[in-house]
Amino acid sequence: MWSRWWACPWSTGGEVQGALNVYARERPVDERGLRMLLLLVGQAAIALGNARLFSSSSVLAAGLAQALESRGVIERAKGILMAEQDCDADAAFDLLRRASQRENVKLHLVAARIAERAGRPSPGDPEP
């Protein structure tokens, strides 16, 4: 049976993230032991805070990379539509948006299909 226990909260950025619980069986933890416990909690808070920051940064970076890739395809498809439909950039984007809604497909996928279609030679086109 545990005779003594301590719960030391750990926080990052002024927000409590969790707690480290310590149990002592035979004798209470002395002042030196409590100081060591507080140092341990401080180091754990830093490590866990850094891990959380790294994780959220990785997710954000992946999302930004995907957005940049999608934007390039969308801009290419807009250019193709502007040439084919003799329209401006806003009208071309509107065509993409409406096709995306009509087909219930993400806009960047509609744009990728248009870009892919434009990249293939049409039957009867001369070979380069």
Foldseek 3Di string as FASTA:
>chain_A
DFDDKDWAFADDPPDTDGTDMDTDRPDDDDPVRVVVVVVVSDVVNVVVVVVVVVVVVVVVVVVVVVVVVLVVLLVLLLVVCCVVVVDDSVVSVVVLVVVCVVVVHDSSVSSNVSNVVVVDDDPPDDDD
